[in-house]
Amino acid sequence: MTPTWIGISAGLGAGFGLAVFLAVHELRPASPSLGPALARLQPPSGAGDAVPGRSVAIGRLADRMRRVIPATDLRLLGRTSEEFVTSLIVAGLIGLAVPSVLLGLLTLMGRSFGTGVPVGAAVGFAALLVLIVYRDVGHKAAFARRECRRAVCTFIDLVALQRAAGRGTEESLIRAASKGSGWVFARIRQTLLRAELSVSAPWDGLKQLGTDLGVPELGDLGDIMQAAGVTGAQVYRTLRARATSLRAQIRTDELAHAELRTSQLEIPGALLLVVLMLLALYPFAARLLAAPAVN
């Protein structure tokens, strides 16, 4: 074997060994990071508060756009105002670039455009993309809020069962939160853990979480459990009644949403019927227009 092939074989072997080492290193469980864990346990802050490593310019722009930024929806989705503003800026830049590139290619192919067409196309497409990104946050937040309400209904039932088993107020909340899965129960567990570490009432944390997420049902649960924790009231029947009413409300909202989707499905059918009618009437209209006038 020549020295060249020996060098190539050695290089390939070293590359394969490096790949195996990196794969094993990535698959090995990493030690938890203390910084992000402590950040998750801190009380939630406003959408425009400073975060480590953010751009100063983006932060200032987010502070100026505080009135138009959907802060509640962003907190529900777990996003910051800086990320939202960045997505709007990126969408606007893409909207400005795409028509400019397309019109530039058409110009190279021999087509000529005035000054107003490229500017209008770029600005219009950029505004359209920004609007799509802005409305997408609202749609995702509405879906997440419906999911959150269903999870809260299950959480209320679990708390009622814990109270029926003779558990205390705080213990009922903690045990009920540990039985569920999903991002809603994860946030409830974080809220209860934060309240335990800060030696504060858990129902206050639930009410604040309901306000932050725009889910008033969590605030109602906090009020009910506050009555149980402060005055020692028997709240089992109240919890079951609240869960039943919330379940009925969710069912009504889902039926209304299904009816809206069903009505929206009729629009393509109506448009298709109009197109078919135009295709059927086109030959007769063409003959009438082509027929010579009779004096």
Protein backbone atom coordinates (compact mmCIF):
# COMPACT_ATOMS: atom_id res chain seq x y z
CA MET A 1 0.00 0.00 0.00
CA THR A 2 1.41 3.36 -1.03
CA PRO A 3 1.97 6.14 1.50
CA THR A 4 -0.85 8.18 -0.11
CA TRP A 5 -3.43 5.47 0.54
CA ILE A 6 -2.07 4.99 4.03
CA GLY A 7 -2.62 8.70 4.75
CA ILE A 8 -6.13 8.60 3.27
CA SER A 9 -7.01 5.52 5.33
CA ALA A 10 -5.65 7.13 8.48
CA GLY A 11 -7.67 10.30 7.81
CA LEU A 12 -10.86 8.32 7.20
CA GLY A 13 -10.28 6.29 10.36
CA ALA A 14 -9.66 9.43 12.41
CA GLY A 15 -12.83 11.03 11.01
CA PHE A 16 -14.88 7.94 11.80
CA GLY A 17 -13.49 7.79 15.31
CA LEU A 18 -14.26 11.50 15.83
CA ALA A 19 -17.83 10.94 14.60
CA VAL A 20 -18.32 8.04 17.01
CA PHE A 21 -16.91 10.10 19.88
CA LEU A 22 -19.24 13.04 19.14
CA ALA A 23 -22.25 10.73 18.84
CA VAL A 24 -21.49 9.07 22.19
CA HIS A 25 -20.86 12.48 23.78
CA GLU A 26 -24.20 13.83 22.58
CA LEU A 27 -26.13 10.72 23.64
CA ARG A 28 -24.68 10.77 27.15
CA PRO A 29 -27.07 12.46 29.63
CA ALA A 30 -25.84 15.93 30.44
CA SER A 31 -25.80 17.41 33.91
CA PRO A 32 -28.64 19.87 34.50
CA SER A 33 -27.82 23.54 34.14
CA LEU A 34 -28.39 25.50 37.33
CA GLY A 35 -28.93 28.89 35.66
CA PRO A 36 -32.00 28.02 33.53
CA ALA A 37 -33.49 26.05 36.43
CA LEU A 38 -33.29 29.07 38.74
CA ALA A 39 -34.65 31.33 35.98
CA ARG A 40 -37.72 29.11 35.64
CA LEU A 41 -38.37 29.37 39.37
CA GLN A 42 -38.37 33.17 39.37
CA PRO A 43 -41.71 34.98 39.24
CA PRO A 44 -42.99 35.74 35.75
CA SER A 45 -42.20 39.21 34.54
CA GLY A 46 -43.66 41.48 31.92
CA ALA A 47 -43.23 40.92 28.22
CA GLY A 48 -40.83 43.80 27.82
CA ASP A 49 -38.45 43.01 30.71
CA ALA A 50 -34.80 42.52 30.01
CA VAL A 51 -33.49 39.06 29.29
CA PRO A 52 -29.84 38.00 29.09
CA GLY A 53 -28.23 38.33 25.69
CA ARG A 54 -31.01 40.24 23.98
CA SER A 55 -30.27 42.90 21.46
CA VAL A 56 -30.53 46.41 22.86
CA ALA A 57 -32.15 47.74 19.69
CA ILE A 58 -34.74 44.94 19.63
CA GLY A 59 -35.45 45.52 23.31
CA ARG A 60 -36.04 49.25 22.82
CA LEU A 61 -38.28 48.59 19.83
CA ALA A 62 -40.26 46.04 21.85
CA ASP A 63 -40.70 48.59 24.65
CA ARG A 64 -42.05 51.14 22.17
CA MET A 65 -44.42 48.55 20.65
CA ARG A 66 -45.73 47.46 24.05
CA ARG A 67 -49.27 48.66 23.27
CA VAL A 68 -49.62 46.61 20.09
CA ILE A 69 -47.75 43.51 21.26
CA PRO A 70 -50.11 40.71 22.44
CA ALA A 71 -48.31 40.23 25.75
CA THR A 72 -50.86 37.77 27.20
CA ASP A 73 -50.75 35.56 24.11
CA LEU A 74 -46.96 35.60 24.11
CA ARG A 75 -46.82 34.58 27.78
CA LEU A 76 -49.26 31.78 27.03
CA LEU A 77 -47.06 30.54 24.19
CA GLY A 78 -43.88 30.92 26.25
CA ARG A 79 -42.37 33.57 23.97
CA THR A 80 -40.84 36.94 24.74
CA SER A 81 -41.67 40.26 23.15
CA GLU A 82 -38.16 40.42 21.69
CA GLU A 83 -38.68 37.13 19.85
CA PHE A 84 -42.01 38.37 18.54
CA VAL A 85 -40.56 41.66 17.29
CA THR A 86 -37.67 39.78 15.69
CA SER A 87 -40.09 37.51 13.84
CA LEU A 88 -41.97 40.58 12.57
CA ILE A 89 -38.73 42.17 11.36
CA VAL A 90 -37.63 38.97 9.62
CA ALA A 91 -41.04 38.61 7.94
CA GLY A 92 -40.88 42.22 6.76
CA LEU A 93 -37.37 41.80 5.34
CA ILE A 94 -38.40 38.64 3.51
CA GLY A 95 -41.43 40.45 2.15
CA LEU A 96 -39.22 43.26 0.88
CA ALA A 97 -36.64 40.91 -0.65
CA VAL A 98 -38.82 38.38 -2.50
CA PRO A 99 -40.64 40.81 -4.88
CA SER A 100 -37.39 42.71 -5.46
CA VAL A 101 -35.58 39.52 -6.51
CA LEU A 102 -38.42 38.35 -8.75
CA LEU A 103 -38.80 41.71 -10.44
CA GLY A 104 -35.02 41.93 -10.83
CA LEU A 105 -34.97 38.58 -12.63
CA LEU A 106 -37.80 39.72 -14.90
CA THR A 107 -35.85 42.90 -15.63
CA LEU A 108 -32.84 40.83 -16.65
CA MET A 109 -35.11 38.88 -18.99
CA GLY A 110 -36.09 42.08 -20.79
CA ARG A 111 -39.21 43.18 -18.96
CA SER A 112 -39.30 46.79 -17.86
CA PHE A 113 -41.17 48.15 -14.83
CA GLY A 114 -41.65 51.61 -13.51
CA THR A 115 -40.51 52.80 -10.12
CA GLY A 116 -43.90 52.43 -8.46
CA VAL A 117 -44.42 48.74 -9.28
CA PRO A 118 -41.35 47.34 -7.44
CA VAL A 119 -41.85 49.64 -4.45
CA GLY A 120 -45.56 48.88 -4.18
CA ALA A 121 -45.04 45.14 -4.59
CA ALA A 122 -42.26 45.03 -1.98
CA VAL A 123 -44.15 47.13 0.58
CA GLY A 124 -47.42 45.28 0.02
CA PHE A 125 -45.87 41.82 0.29
CA ALA A 126 -43.90 42.83 3.39
CA ALA A 127 -47.06 44.16 5.05
CA LEU A 128 -48.88 40.93 4.15
CA LEU A 129 -46.19 38.73 5.73
CA VAL A 130 -46.07 40.89 8.86
CA LEU A 131 -49.84 40.63 9.19
CA ILE A 132 -49.70 36.84 8.74
CA VAL A 133 -47.06 36.49 11.46
CA TYR A 134 -49.02 38.78 13.80
CA ARG A 135 -52.29 36.90 13.31
CA ASP A 136 -50.54 33.54 13.60
CA VAL A 137 -49.70 34.33 17.21
CA GLY A 138 -53.37 34.99 17.94
CA HIS A 139 -54.48 31.74 16.30
CA LYS A 140 -51.89 29.69 18.17
CA ALA A 141 -52.78 31.40 21.45
CA ALA A 142 -56.49 30.70 20.93
CA PHE A 143 -55.75 27.02 20.34
CA ALA A 144 -53.43 26.87 23.36
CA ARG A 145 -56.02 28.64 25.52
CA ARG A 146 -58.68 26.07 24.59
CA GLU A 147 -56.24 23.31 25.47
CA CYS A 148 -55.42 25.06 28.74
CA ARG A 149 -59.09 25.31 29.70
CA ARG A 150 -59.58 21.58 29.13
CA ALA A 151 -56.53 20.81 31.27
CA VAL A 152 -57.77 23.18 34.01
CA CYS A 153 -61.13 21.38 34.02
CA THR A 154 -59.31 18.08 34.59
CA PHE A 155 -57.16 19.72 37.27
CA ILE A 156 -60.26 20.93 39.14
CA ASP A 157 -61.69 17.41 39.10
CA LEU A 158 -58.43 16.01 40.46
CA VAL A 159 -58.34 18.64 43.22
CA ALA A 160 -61.92 17.75 44.16
CA LEU A 161 -61.01 14.07 44.40
CA GLN A 162 -58.04 14.91 46.62
CA ARG A 163 -60.27 16.99 48.87
CA ALA A 164 -62.80 14.13 49.05
CA ALA A 165 -59.96 11.86 50.18
CA GLY A 166 -59.32 14.13 53.16
CA ARG A 167 -56.22 15.94 51.88
CA GLY A 168 -55.38 19.45 52.94
CA THR A 169 -55.67 22.46 50.68
CA GLU A 170 -52.04 22.78 49.63
CA GLU A 171 -51.52 19.02 49.52
CA SER A 172 -54.58 18.62 47.29
CA LEU A 173 -53.19 21.12 44.80
CA ILE A 174 -49.72 19.57 44.75
CA ARG A 175 -50.97 15.99 44.42
CA ALA A 176 -53.48 16.91 41.72
CA ALA A 177 -50.82 18.76 39.72
CA SER A 178 -48.48 15.76 39.93
CA LYS A 179 -51.09 13.45 38.38
CA GLY A 180 -51.37 15.28 35.07
CA SER A 181 -49.07 15.62 32.09
CA GLY A 182 -48.60 18.25 29.43
CA TRP A 183 -47.39 21.82 29.37
CA VAL A 184 -50.38 23.15 31.36
CA PHE A 185 -49.76 20.86 34.32
CA ALA A 186 -46.04 21.62 34.04
CA ARG A 187 -46.74 25.34 34.47
CA ILE A 188 -49.08 24.65 37.37
CA ARG A 189 -46.40 22.55 39.07
CA GLN A 190 -43.83 25.32 38.54
CA THR A 191 -46.25 27.86 40.03
CA LEU A 192 -46.93 25.71 43.07
CA LEU A 193 -43.22 25.01 43.55
CA ARG A 194 -42.45 28.73 43.28
CA ALA A 195 -45.11 29.46 45.88
CA GLU A 196 -43.67 26.80 48.19
CA LEU A 197 -40.13 28.13 47.86
CA SER A 198 -41.22 31.73 48.43
CA VAL A 199 -43.44 30.73 51.39
CA SER A 200 -46.56 32.25 49.81
CA ALA A 201 -50.09 30.98 49.35
CA PRO A 202 -50.45 28.62 46.36
CA TRP A 203 -53.85 30.03 45.42
CA ASP A 204 -52.29 33.45 44.93
CA GLY A 205 -49.88 31.89 42.46
CA LEU A 206 -52.74 30.19 40.63
CA LYS A 207 -54.65 33.46 40.35
CA GLN A 208 -51.55 35.25 39.04
CA LEU A 209 -50.96 32.43 36.55
CA GLY A 210 -54.55 32.70 35.34
CA THR A 211 -54.09 36.43 34.82
CA ASP A 212 -50.80 35.97 32.96
CA LEU A 213 -52.19 33.29 30.64
CA GLY A 214 -55.59 34.89 30.13
CA VAL A 215 -57.37 31.87 31.64
CA PRO A 216 -59.79 33.14 34.33
CA GLU A 217 -60.74 29.58 35.30
CA LEU A 218 -57.44 29.27 37.16
CA GLY A 219 -58.34 32.42 39.10
CA ASP A 220 -61.71 30.88 40.02
CA LEU A 221 -59.93 27.79 41.32
CA GLY A 222 -57.60 30.03 43.31
CA ASP A 223 -60.57 31.80 44.90
CA ILE A 224 -62.21 28.50 45.81
CA MET A 225 -59.05 27.09 47.36
CA GLN A 226 -58.43 30.36 49.19
CA ALA A 227 -61.82 29.97 50.85
CA ALA A 228 -60.85 26.42 51.84
CA GLY A 229 -57.41 27.42 53.10
CA VAL A 230 -58.39 30.54 55.02
CA THR A 231 -61.81 29.73 56.41
CA GLY A 232 -61.66 25.93 56.21
CA ALA A 233 -64.78 25.73 54.05
CA GLN A 234 -65.82 22.42 52.52
CA VAL A 235 -65.28 23.03 48.82
CA TYR A 236 -65.75 19.57 47.32
CA ARG A 237 -69.22 20.31 45.98
CA THR A 238 -68.12 23.74 44.81
CA LEU A 239 -65.20 22.26 42.90
CA ARG A 240 -67.35 19.61 41.25
CA ALA A 241 -69.97 22.19 40.30
CA ARG A 242 -67.28 24.48 38.83
CA ALA A 243 -65.80 21.59 36.85
CA THR A 244 -69.24 20.61 35.54
CA SER A 245 -70.08 24.17 34.45
CA LEU A 246 -66.66 24.59 32.85
CA ARG A 247 -67.07 21.31 30.98
CA ALA A 248 -70.47 22.44 29.68
CA GLN A 249 -68.98 25.78 28.61
CA ILE A 250 -66.13 24.03 26.80
CA ARG A 251 -68.63 21.78 25.01
CA THR A 252 -70.69 24.78 23.92
CA ASP A 253 -67.60 26.60 22.63
CA GLU A 254 -66.43 23.51 20.74
CA LEU A 255 -69.85 23.13 19.10
CA ALA A 256 -69.83 26.79 18.07
CA HIS A 257 -66.30 26.39 16.68
CA ALA A 258 -67.35 23.27 14.74
CA GLU A 259 -70.38 25.07 13.28
CA LEU A 260 -68.13 27.95 12.19
CA ARG A 261 -65.72 25.54 10.49
CA THR A 262 -68.65 23.78 8.80
CA SER A 263 -69.97 27.07 7.44
CA GLN A 264 -66.50 27.93 6.17
CA LEU A 265 -66.38 24.64 4.26
CA GLU A 266 -69.40 25.76 2.24
CA ILE A 267 -67.48 28.69 0.74
CA PRO A 268 -65.24 26.58 -1.59
CA GLY A 269 -68.30 24.66 -2.76
CA ALA A 270 -70.12 27.88 -3.61
CA LEU A 271 -67.08 29.21 -5.48
CA LEU A 272 -66.78 25.95 -7.42
CA LEU A 273 -70.46 26.19 -8.38
CA VAL A 274 -69.94 29.75 -9.66
CA VAL A 275 -66.94 28.62 -11.74
CA LEU A 276 -68.95 25.76 -13.25
CA MET A 277 -71.80 28.13 -14.13
CA LEU A 278 -69.37 30.51 -15.83
CA LEU A 279 -67.84 27.65 -17.82
CA ALA A 280 -71.29 26.49 -18.90
CA LEU A 281 -72.42 29.99 -19.94
CA TYR A 282 -69.19 30.94 -21.72
CA PRO A 283 -70.01 29.25 -25.11
CA PHE A 284 -73.42 30.92 -25.30
CA ALA A 285 -71.97 34.33 -24.36
CA ALA A 286 -69.18 33.90 -26.94
CA ARG A 287 -71.70 33.07 -29.68
CA LEU A 288 -73.84 36.07 -28.81
CA LEU A 289 -70.87 38.41 -28.91
CA ALA A 290 -69.57 36.92 -32.17
CA ALA A 291 -72.94 36.99 -33.99
CA PRO A 292 -73.26 39.87 -36.51
CA ALA A 293 -75.81 42.53 -35.80
CA VAL A 294 -79.02 42.29 -37.84
CA ASN A 295 -80.17 45.56 -39.46
